[in-house]
Amino acid sequence: MKQKSYSEKLKDPRWQRKRLEIMQRDKFACKNCGIDTKTLNVHHLEYRGEPWECPNLLLITLCEDCHNRESELRAEQEAELLQLLRLNHLCVDDLHSMVELIAHYPFNSDIINLLWFILARDDVKAELTLQMNALPCPF
């Protein structure tokens, strides 16, 4: 049996239901700029299995402009953020404090999703473990 292309999978009723659910959750507006008059896309912050299997936490509604910018700049910005975290010798407690602080400002939940995604990466966990063993957390 021939495997479906990604664009074919996006036509699947399971993805269409999931897509509608995310757009409803986000009030049919871009989570980045807030616009609700442009074409909207549901963006995967991380790909896991089939598009409709992705946890809702890793899906956000973006307008076409923000979605294009996100697709073009995401990897570069994640690498810069990870480098900053490493250079500043942040420990896990610092990162969790950052997430909690940002959670109080729901205007950009994409930042929260990005931090949780970074915290979940095995290479980041390993790096933070090394940092924590080498440098005591100041708290």
N, C-alpha and C. Protein backbone atom coordinates (compact mmCIF):
# COMPACT_ATOMS: atom_id res chain seq x y z
N MET A 1 0.83 -1.19 0.00
CA MET A 1 0.00 0.00 0.00
C MET A 1 0.88 1.25 0.00
N LYS A 2 0.55 2.19 -0.84
CA LYS A 2 1.33 3.42 -0.97
C LYS A 2 1.11 4.32 0.24
N GLN A 3 2.21 4.85 0.78
CA GLN A 3 2.11 5.76 1.93
C GLN A 3 1.63 7.13 1.46
N LYS A 4 0.75 7.76 2.25
CA LYS A 4 0.22 9.06 1.90
C LYS A 4 1.29 10.15 2.08
N SER A 5 1.24 11.14 1.21
CA SER A 5 2.13 12.29 1.36
C SER A 5 1.61 13.14 2.52
N TYR A 6 2.45 14.05 3.00
CA TYR A 6 2.05 14.93 4.11
C TYR A 6 0.83 15.77 3.71
N SER A 7 0.83 16.31 2.50
CA SER A 7 -0.31 17.13 2.06
C SER A 7 -1.59 16.30 1.98
N GLU A 8 -1.48 15.02 1.62
CA GLU A 8 -2.66 14.13 1.62
C GLU A 8 -3.14 13.88 3.04
N LYS A 9 -2.20 13.73 3.97
CA LYS A 9 -2.58 13.50 5.37
C LYS A 9 -3.34 14.69 5.95
N LEU A 10 -3.01 15.90 5.48
CA LEU A 10 -3.70 17.09 5.97
C LEU A 10 -5.14 17.17 5.49
N LYS A 11 -5.51 16.35 4.53
CA LYS A 11 -6.90 16.28 4.06
C LYS A 11 -7.71 15.23 4.82
N ASP A 12 -7.02 14.44 5.63
CA ASP A 12 -7.66 13.37 6.39
C ASP A 12 -8.69 13.97 7.37
N PRO A 13 -9.86 13.37 7.51
CA PRO A 13 -10.88 13.89 8.44
C PRO A 13 -10.39 13.99 9.89
N ARG A 14 -9.48 13.10 10.29
CA ARG A 14 -8.96 13.16 11.67
C ARG A 14 -8.15 14.44 11.87
N TRP A 15 -7.36 14.84 10.86
CA TRP A 15 -6.61 16.10 10.98
C TRP A 15 -7.57 17.29 10.89
N GLN A 16 -8.56 17.21 10.02
CA GLN A 16 -9.49 18.32 9.88
C GLN A 16 -10.24 18.58 11.20
N ARG A 17 -10.61 17.51 11.90
CA ARG A 17 -11.27 17.67 13.21
C ARG A 17 -10.31 18.29 14.22
N LYS A 18 -9.08 17.78 14.25
CA LYS A 18 -8.08 18.29 15.19
C LYS A 18 -7.78 19.76 14.89
N ARG A 19 -7.64 20.09 13.62
CA ARG A 19 -7.36 21.46 13.18
C ARG A 19 -8.46 22.41 13.66
N LEU A 20 -9.71 22.00 13.47
CA LEU A 20 -10.84 22.82 13.90
C LEU A 20 -10.83 22.99 15.43
N GLU A 21 -10.53 21.92 16.14
CA GLU A 21 -10.47 21.97 17.60
C GLU A 21 -9.43 23.00 18.08
N ILE A 22 -8.26 23.00 17.44
CA ILE A 22 -7.19 23.94 17.83
C ILE A 22 -7.59 25.36 17.48
N MET A 23 -8.16 25.57 16.31
CA MET A 23 -8.59 26.92 15.93
C MET A 23 -9.68 27.43 16.87
N GLN A 24 -10.60 26.56 17.28
CA GLN A 24 -11.64 26.96 18.23
C GLN A 24 -10.99 27.34 19.57
N ARG A 25 -10.06 26.52 20.03
CA ARG A 25 -9.35 26.81 21.28
C ARG A 25 -8.68 28.17 21.23
N ASP A 26 -8.10 28.49 20.07
CA ASP A 26 -7.37 29.75 19.89
C ASP A 26 -8.28 30.89 19.40
N LYS A 27 -9.59 30.66 19.45
CA LYS A 27 -10.59 31.67 19.10
C LYS A 27 -10.43 32.21 17.67
N PHE A 28 -10.03 31.32 16.77
CA PHE A 28 -9.88 31.65 15.34
C PHE A 28 -9.07 32.92 15.11
N ALA A 29 -7.98 33.03 15.87
CA ALA A 29 -7.07 34.17 15.72
C ALA A 29 -5.63 33.67 15.83
N CYS A 30 -4.73 34.38 15.19
CA CYS A 30 -3.31 34.04 15.25
C CYS A 30 -2.81 34.23 16.67
N LYS A 31 -2.15 33.21 17.23
CA LYS A 31 -1.62 33.29 18.59
C LYS A 31 -0.39 34.17 18.68
N ASN A 32 0.16 34.52 17.55
CA ASN A 32 1.35 35.38 17.55
C ASN A 32 0.96 36.85 17.44
N CYS A 33 0.22 37.21 16.40
CA CYS A 33 -0.10 38.62 16.17
C CYS A 33 -1.54 38.99 16.50
N GLY A 34 -2.40 38.00 16.73
CA GLY A 34 -3.78 38.26 17.12
C GLY A 34 -4.76 38.50 15.99
N ILE A 35 -4.27 38.57 14.76
CA ILE A 35 -5.15 38.87 13.63
C ILE A 35 -6.15 37.73 13.41
N ASP A 36 -7.36 38.09 13.03
CA ASP A 36 -8.38 37.07 12.76
C ASP A 36 -9.03 37.26 11.39
N THR A 37 -8.39 38.04 10.53
CA THR A 37 -8.95 38.32 9.20
C THR A 37 -8.13 37.73 8.06
N LYS A 38 -7.04 37.04 8.39
CA LYS A 38 -6.21 36.41 7.36
C LYS A 38 -6.39 34.90 7.41
N THR A 39 -5.93 34.22 6.38
CA THR A 39 -5.96 32.76 6.35
C THR A 39 -5.17 32.23 7.53
N LEU A 40 -5.76 31.28 8.24
CA LEU A 40 -5.12 30.70 9.43
C LEU A 40 -4.62 29.29 9.15
N ASN A 41 -3.52 28.93 9.81
CA ASN A 41 -2.94 27.59 9.75
C ASN A 41 -2.77 27.08 11.16
N VAL A 42 -2.84 25.77 11.32
CA VAL A 42 -2.48 25.17 12.61
C VAL A 42 -1.05 24.67 12.46
N HIS A 43 -0.18 25.19 13.30
CA HIS A 43 1.25 24.92 13.22
C HIS A 43 1.65 23.87 14.25
N HIS A 44 2.44 22.89 13.80
CA HIS A 44 3.01 21.88 14.69
C HIS A 44 4.33 22.43 15.25
N LEU A 45 4.43 22.56 16.55
CA LEU A 45 5.69 22.97 17.16
C LEU A 45 6.69 21.82 17.12
N GLU A 46 6.16 20.63 17.05
CA GLU A 46 6.99 19.42 16.93
C GLU A 46 6.15 18.38 16.21
N TYR A 47 6.79 17.61 15.36
CA TYR A 47 6.08 16.55 14.63
C TYR A 47 6.25 15.23 15.37
N ARG A 48 5.10 14.60 15.65
CA ARG A 48 5.09 13.29 16.32
C ARG A 48 4.07 12.42 15.62
N GLY A 49 4.53 11.45 14.89
CA GLY A 49 3.62 10.53 14.21
C GLY A 49 2.76 11.24 13.19
N GLU A 50 1.51 10.84 13.13
CA GLU A 50 0.57 11.42 12.18
C GLU A 50 0.17 12.82 12.66
N PRO A 51 -0.17 13.72 11.73
CA PRO A 51 -0.51 15.09 12.13
C PRO A 51 -1.59 15.17 13.20
N TRP A 52 -2.59 14.32 13.14
CA TRP A 52 -3.71 14.34 14.09
C TRP A 52 -3.35 13.71 15.43
N GLU A 53 -2.20 13.06 15.53
CA GLU A 53 -1.77 12.43 16.79
C GLU A 53 -0.98 13.39 17.68
N CYS A 54 -0.64 14.54 17.17
CA CYS A 54 0.17 15.52 17.90
C CYS A 54 -0.61 16.04 19.11
N PRO A 55 0.02 16.10 20.29
CA PRO A 55 -0.68 16.65 21.46
C PRO A 55 -1.08 18.11 21.22
N ASN A 56 -2.23 18.48 21.73
CA ASN A 56 -2.73 19.85 21.53
C ASN A 56 -1.75 20.91 22.00
N LEU A 57 -1.00 20.61 23.03
CA LEU A 57 -0.01 21.55 23.57
C LEU A 57 1.02 21.95 22.51
N LEU A 58 1.26 21.09 21.54
CA LEU A 58 2.26 21.35 20.52
C LEU A 58 1.66 21.87 19.21
N LEU A 59 0.41 22.32 19.28
CA LEU A 59 -0.27 22.88 18.11
C LEU A 59 -0.76 24.29 18.43
N ILE A 60 -0.52 25.23 17.51
CA ILE A 60 -1.00 26.59 17.69
C ILE A 60 -1.53 27.13 16.37
N THR A 61 -2.45 28.07 16.47
CA THR A 61 -3.01 28.73 15.30
C THR A 61 -2.15 29.93 14.94
N LEU A 62 -1.74 30.00 13.68
CA LEU A 62 -0.96 31.12 13.18
C LEU A 62 -1.55 31.60 11.86
N CYS A 63 -1.48 32.92 11.62
CA CYS A 63 -1.88 33.43 10.31
C CYS A 63 -0.80 33.02 9.31
N GLU A 64 -1.10 33.16 8.04
CA GLU A 64 -0.16 32.73 7.01
C GLU A 64 1.20 33.42 7.13
N ASP A 65 1.19 34.74 7.40
CA ASP A 65 2.45 35.48 7.53
C ASP A 65 3.28 34.96 8.69
N CYS A 66 2.67 34.80 9.86
CA CYS A 66 3.40 34.31 11.04
C CYS A 66 3.84 32.87 10.85
N HIS A 67 3.00 32.07 10.18
CA HIS A 67 3.36 30.67 9.93
C HIS A 67 4.58 30.58 9.03
N ASN A 68 4.61 31.39 7.99
CA ASN A 68 5.78 31.40 7.11
C ASN A 68 7.03 31.84 7.85
N ARG A 69 6.91 32.90 8.66
CA ARG A 69 8.05 33.39 9.44
C ARG A 69 8.50 32.32 10.45
N GLU A 70 7.54 31.68 11.07
CA GLU A 70 7.84 30.61 12.04
C GLU A 70 8.62 29.48 11.37
N SER A 71 8.16 29.07 10.21
CA SER A 71 8.81 27.97 9.49
C SER A 71 10.23 28.34 9.08
N GLU A 72 10.43 29.59 8.72
CA GLU A 72 11.75 30.02 8.26
C GLU A 72 12.74 30.25 9.40
N LEU A 73 12.27 30.74 10.55
CA LEU A 73 13.18 31.19 11.61
C LEU A 73 13.25 30.30 12.84
N ARG A 74 12.34 29.35 12.99
CA ARG A 74 12.23 28.57 14.22
C ARG A 74 13.53 27.87 14.62
N ALA A 75 14.12 27.11 13.74
CA ALA A 75 15.33 26.34 14.08
C ALA A 75 16.47 27.27 14.50
N GLU A 76 16.63 28.37 13.78
CA GLU A 76 17.69 29.33 14.11
C GLU A 76 17.47 29.93 15.50
N GLN A 77 16.23 30.30 15.81
CA GLN A 77 15.94 30.92 17.10
C GLN A 77 16.05 29.92 18.25
N GLU A 78 15.65 28.66 18.02
CA GLU A 78 15.81 27.64 19.05
C GLU A 78 17.29 27.43 19.37
N ALA A 79 18.12 27.39 18.34
CA ALA A 79 19.56 27.20 18.55
C ALA A 79 20.14 28.37 19.34
N GLU A 80 19.71 29.59 19.02
CA GLU A 80 20.20 30.77 19.75
C GLU A 80 19.77 30.74 21.21
N LEU A 81 18.52 30.35 21.46
CA LEU A 81 18.02 30.27 22.83
C LEU A 81 18.78 29.21 23.62
N LEU A 82 18.98 28.06 23.02
CA LEU A 82 19.72 27.00 23.69
C LEU A 82 21.15 27.45 24.01
N GLN A 83 21.77 28.15 23.08
CA GLN A 83 23.13 28.66 23.32
C GLN A 83 23.13 29.66 24.48
N LEU A 84 22.15 30.54 24.53
CA LEU A 84 22.07 31.50 25.63
C LEU A 84 21.90 30.80 26.97
N LEU A 85 21.05 29.77 26.99
CA LEU A 85 20.85 29.03 28.23
C LEU A 85 22.15 28.39 28.70
N ARG A 86 22.88 27.83 27.77
CA ARG A 86 24.15 27.18 28.11
C ARG A 86 25.19 28.20 28.56
N LEU A 87 25.28 29.31 27.84
CA LEU A 87 26.27 30.33 28.19
C LEU A 87 26.02 30.95 29.55
N ASN A 88 24.75 31.02 29.94
CA ASN A 88 24.40 31.62 31.22
C ASN A 88 24.32 30.61 32.35
N HIS A 89 24.68 29.38 32.08
CA HIS A 89 24.74 28.33 33.10
C HIS A 89 23.44 28.22 33.90
N LEU A 90 22.32 28.26 33.19
CA LEU A 90 21.05 28.14 33.87
C LEU A 90 20.81 26.70 34.28
N CYS A 91 20.30 26.52 35.48
CA CYS A 91 19.96 25.17 35.93
C CYS A 91 18.48 24.91 35.68
N VAL A 92 18.04 23.69 35.88
CA VAL A 92 16.66 23.29 35.60
C VAL A 92 15.68 24.14 36.39
N ASP A 93 16.00 24.45 37.66
CA ASP A 93 15.09 25.27 38.46
C ASP A 93 14.90 26.65 37.83
N ASP A 94 15.97 27.21 37.27
CA ASP A 94 15.86 28.50 36.59
C ASP A 94 14.91 28.41 35.41
N LEU A 95 15.04 27.33 34.63
CA LEU A 95 14.20 27.17 33.44
C LEU A 95 12.73 26.99 33.84
N HIS A 96 12.49 26.20 34.87
CA HIS A 96 11.10 26.03 35.30
C HIS A 96 10.53 27.33 35.84
N SER A 97 11.34 28.13 36.52
CA SER A 97 10.88 29.45 36.98
C SER A 97 10.53 30.34 35.80
N MET A 98 11.33 30.27 34.73
CA MET A 98 11.04 31.05 33.53
C MET A 98 9.70 30.63 32.94
N VAL A 99 9.46 29.34 32.87
CA VAL A 99 8.20 28.84 32.30
C VAL A 99 7.03 29.32 33.14
N GLU A 100 7.15 29.23 34.47
CA GLU A 100 6.07 29.68 35.35
C GLU A 100 5.81 31.17 35.20
N LEU A 101 6.87 31.96 35.09
CA LEU A 101 6.72 33.40 34.91
C LEU A 101 6.03 33.71 33.59
N ILE A 102 6.46 33.08 32.53
CA ILE A 102 5.88 33.33 31.22
C ILE A 102 4.42 32.87 31.19
N ALA A 103 4.10 31.81 31.94
CA ALA A 103 2.74 31.29 31.96
C ALA A 103 1.75 32.33 32.48
N HIS A 104 2.21 33.30 33.26
CA HIS A 104 1.34 34.35 33.78
C HIS A 104 1.02 35.40 32.72
N TYR A 105 1.69 35.32 31.57
CA TYR A 105 1.47 36.26 30.47
C TYR A 105 1.03 35.48 29.24
N PRO A 106 -0.27 35.11 29.18
CA PRO A 106 -0.75 34.22 28.12
C PRO A 106 -0.81 34.83 26.73
N PHE A 107 -0.35 36.05 26.56
CA PHE A 107 -0.41 36.68 25.25
C PHE A 107 0.48 35.98 24.24
N ASN A 108 1.44 35.19 24.67
CA ASN A 108 2.27 34.47 23.72
C ASN A 108 2.58 33.08 24.25
N SER A 109 1.60 32.19 24.13
CA SER A 109 1.78 30.83 24.64
C SER A 109 2.81 30.06 23.83
N ASP A 110 3.17 30.56 22.65
CA ASP A 110 4.19 29.90 21.85
C ASP A 110 5.53 29.86 22.60
N ILE A 111 5.82 30.90 23.37
CA ILE A 111 7.06 30.91 24.16
C ILE A 111 7.04 29.78 25.17
N ILE A 112 5.91 29.58 25.83
CA ILE A 112 5.79 28.50 26.81
C ILE A 112 6.00 27.15 26.12
N ASN A 113 5.34 26.96 24.98
CA ASN A 113 5.48 25.71 24.25
C ASN A 113 6.93 25.48 23.84
N LEU A 114 7.60 26.54 23.41
CA LEU A 114 8.99 26.42 23.01
C LEU A 114 9.86 26.00 24.19
N LEU A 115 9.66 26.63 25.35
CA LEU A 115 10.46 26.27 26.53
C LEU A 115 10.20 24.83 26.96
N TRP A 116 8.93 24.41 26.96
CA TRP A 116 8.63 23.03 27.33
C TRP A 116 9.25 22.06 26.33
N PHE A 117 9.21 22.42 25.04
CA PHE A 117 9.82 21.58 24.01
C PHE A 117 11.33 21.46 24.26
N ILE A 118 11.97 22.58 24.56
CA ILE A 118 13.42 22.56 24.81
C ILE A 118 13.73 21.72 26.04
N LEU A 119 12.93 21.88 27.10
CA LEU A 119 13.16 21.10 28.32
C LEU A 119 12.99 19.60 28.09
N ALA A 120 12.15 19.24 27.11
CA ALA A 120 11.88 17.82 26.86
C ALA A 120 12.94 17.15 25.99
N ARG A 121 13.80 17.94 25.35
CA ARG A 121 14.80 17.35 24.45
C ARG A 121 15.88 16.64 25.26
N ASP A 122 16.24 15.44 24.84
CA ASP A 122 17.23 14.64 25.55
C ASP A 122 18.59 15.32 25.61
N ASP A 123 19.01 15.99 24.52
CA ASP A 123 20.31 16.64 24.55
C ASP A 123 20.33 17.81 25.53
N VAL A 124 19.20 18.49 25.70
CA VAL A 124 19.12 19.58 26.67
C VAL A 124 19.14 19.02 28.08
N LYS A 125 18.40 17.94 28.31
CA LYS A 125 18.41 17.32 29.64
C LYS A 125 19.83 16.90 30.01
N ALA A 126 20.53 16.30 29.06
CA ALA A 126 21.90 15.86 29.33
C ALA A 126 22.80 17.06 29.62
N GLU A 127 22.66 18.13 28.83
CA GLU A 127 23.47 19.33 29.03
C GLU A 127 23.17 19.97 30.38
N LEU A 128 21.89 20.06 30.74
CA LEU A 128 21.53 20.66 32.02
C LEU A 128 22.00 19.80 33.19
N THR A 129 21.96 18.50 33.03
CA THR A 129 22.46 17.62 34.08
C THR A 129 23.95 17.85 34.29
N LEU A 130 24.70 17.95 33.20
CA LEU A 130 26.13 18.25 33.32
C LEU A 130 26.36 19.59 34.00
N GLN A 131 25.60 20.60 33.61
CA GLN A 131 25.74 21.92 34.21
C GLN A 131 25.41 21.87 35.70
N MET A 132 24.35 21.17 36.04
CA MET A 132 23.95 21.11 37.43
C MET A 132 24.99 20.40 38.28
N ASN A 133 25.62 19.40 37.73
CA ASN A 133 26.67 18.69 38.46
C ASN A 133 27.93 19.52 38.62
N ALA A 134 28.19 20.36 37.61
CA ALA A 134 29.43 21.17 37.63
C ALA A 134 29.25 22.46 38.42
N LEU A 135 28.07 23.07 38.35
CA LEU A 135 27.83 24.35 39.01
C LEU A 135 26.63 24.24 39.93
N PRO A 136 26.77 24.56 41.19
CA PRO A 136 25.62 24.51 42.08
C PRO A 136 24.62 25.61 41.73
N CYS A 137 23.37 25.26 41.81
CA CYS A 137 22.32 26.25 41.55
C CYS A 137 22.35 27.27 42.68
N PRO A 138 22.25 28.57 42.40
CA PRO A 138 22.40 29.59 43.43
C PRO A 138 21.26 29.68 44.43
N PHE A 139 20.20 28.91 44.26
CA PHE A 139 19.04 29.01 45.18
C PHE A 139 19.11 27.98 46.27
